[in-house]
Amino acid sequence: MVQSRRPVDPVAQAQARVMVDELERVADSLVDSLQAGRGGEKAQRAARRELYEVREHVRRLQHVYDLSR
């Protein structure tokens, strides 16, 4: 049986869209940093880990608030 989803509050959806936009800017900055090779190996690992976390937050927000890009 497929469980129906609750309707998404338009205000919450708009806030989630703004948050996704901001998180995508953070992700872009992290990608730039990784591609430029800034920092040492430890800094690169930390940036990569943070990038994965940011992408997971974006994915969750898109799923919960029914956002598609």
Protein backbone atom coordinates (compact mmCIF):
# COMPACT_ATOMS: atom_id res chain seq x y z
CA MET A 1 0.00 0.00 0.00
CA VAL A 2 1.35 3.41 -0.96
CA GLN A 3 1.23 5.90 1.85
CA SER A 4 -0.10 9.29 0.76
CA ARG A 5 1.98 12.30 1.62
CA ARG A 6 0.70 15.19 3.65
CA PRO A 7 0.23 18.40 1.73
CA VAL A 8 3.29 20.61 1.96
CA ASP A 9 2.81 23.99 3.62
CA PRO A 10 3.62 26.62 0.95
CA VAL A 11 5.45 28.85 3.44
CA ALA A 12 7.61 25.97 4.69
CA GLN A 13 8.25 24.93 1.09
CA ALA A 14 9.39 28.45 0.19
CA GLN A 15 11.71 28.52 3.21
CA ALA A 16 13.10 25.11 2.25
CA ARG A 17 13.71 26.36 -1.30
CA VAL A 18 15.71 29.32 0.07
CA MET A 19 17.70 26.95 2.31
CA VAL A 20 18.43 24.65 -0.64
CA ASP A 21 19.69 27.63 -2.66
CA GLU A 22 21.99 28.66 0.19
CA LEU A 23 23.25 25.11 0.70
CA GLU A 24 23.95 24.79 -3.02
CA ARG A 25 26.08 27.94 -2.84
CA VAL A 26 28.00 26.38 0.05
CA ALA A 27 28.43 23.18 -1.97
CA ASP A 28 29.71 25.16 -4.97
CA SER A 29 32.23 26.89 -2.73
CA LEU A 30 33.40 23.57 -1.32
CA VAL A 31 33.77 22.11 -4.83
CA ASP A 32 35.83 25.13 -5.88
CA SER A 33 38.03 24.69 -2.83
CA LEU A 34 38.50 20.98 -3.51
CA GLN A 35 39.29 21.53 -7.18
CA ALA A 36 41.80 24.26 -6.34
CA GLY A 37 43.50 21.93 -3.87
CA ARG A 38 43.42 24.50 -1.07
CA GLY A 39 44.77 23.34 2.26
CA GLY A 40 46.51 20.15 3.12
CA GLU A 41 45.26 16.61 2.98
CA LYS A 42 43.38 16.98 6.27
CA ALA A 43 41.61 20.14 5.04
CA GLN A 44 40.70 18.39 1.79
CA ARG A 45 39.17 15.45 3.69
CA ALA A 46 37.20 17.82 5.92
CA ALA A 47 35.92 19.77 2.89
CA ARG A 48 34.90 16.55 1.14
CA ARG A 49 33.09 15.31 4.25
CA GLU A 50 31.30 18.66 4.59
CA LEU A 51 30.33 18.54 0.91
CA TYR A 52 28.72 15.11 1.39
CA GLU A 53 26.80 16.43 4.41
CA VAL A 54 25.58 19.50 2.51
CA ARG A 55 24.45 17.36 -0.42
CA GLU A 56 22.57 15.05 1.96
CA HIS A 57 20.79 18.02 3.55
CA VAL A 58 19.79 19.28 0.10
CA ARG A 59 18.52 15.83 -0.89
CA ARG A 60 16.46 15.54 2.29
CA LEU A 61 14.95 19.01 1.93
CA GLN A 62 14.06 18.33 -1.70
CA HIS A 63 12.38 15.08 -0.73
CA VAL A 64 10.48 16.31 2.34
CA TYR A 65 9.30 19.57 0.78
CA ASP A 66 8.68 18.12 -2.66
CA LEU A 67 11.25 20.35 -4.38
CA SER A 68 12.58 19.37 -7.75
CA ARG A 69 15.43 20.91 -9.69
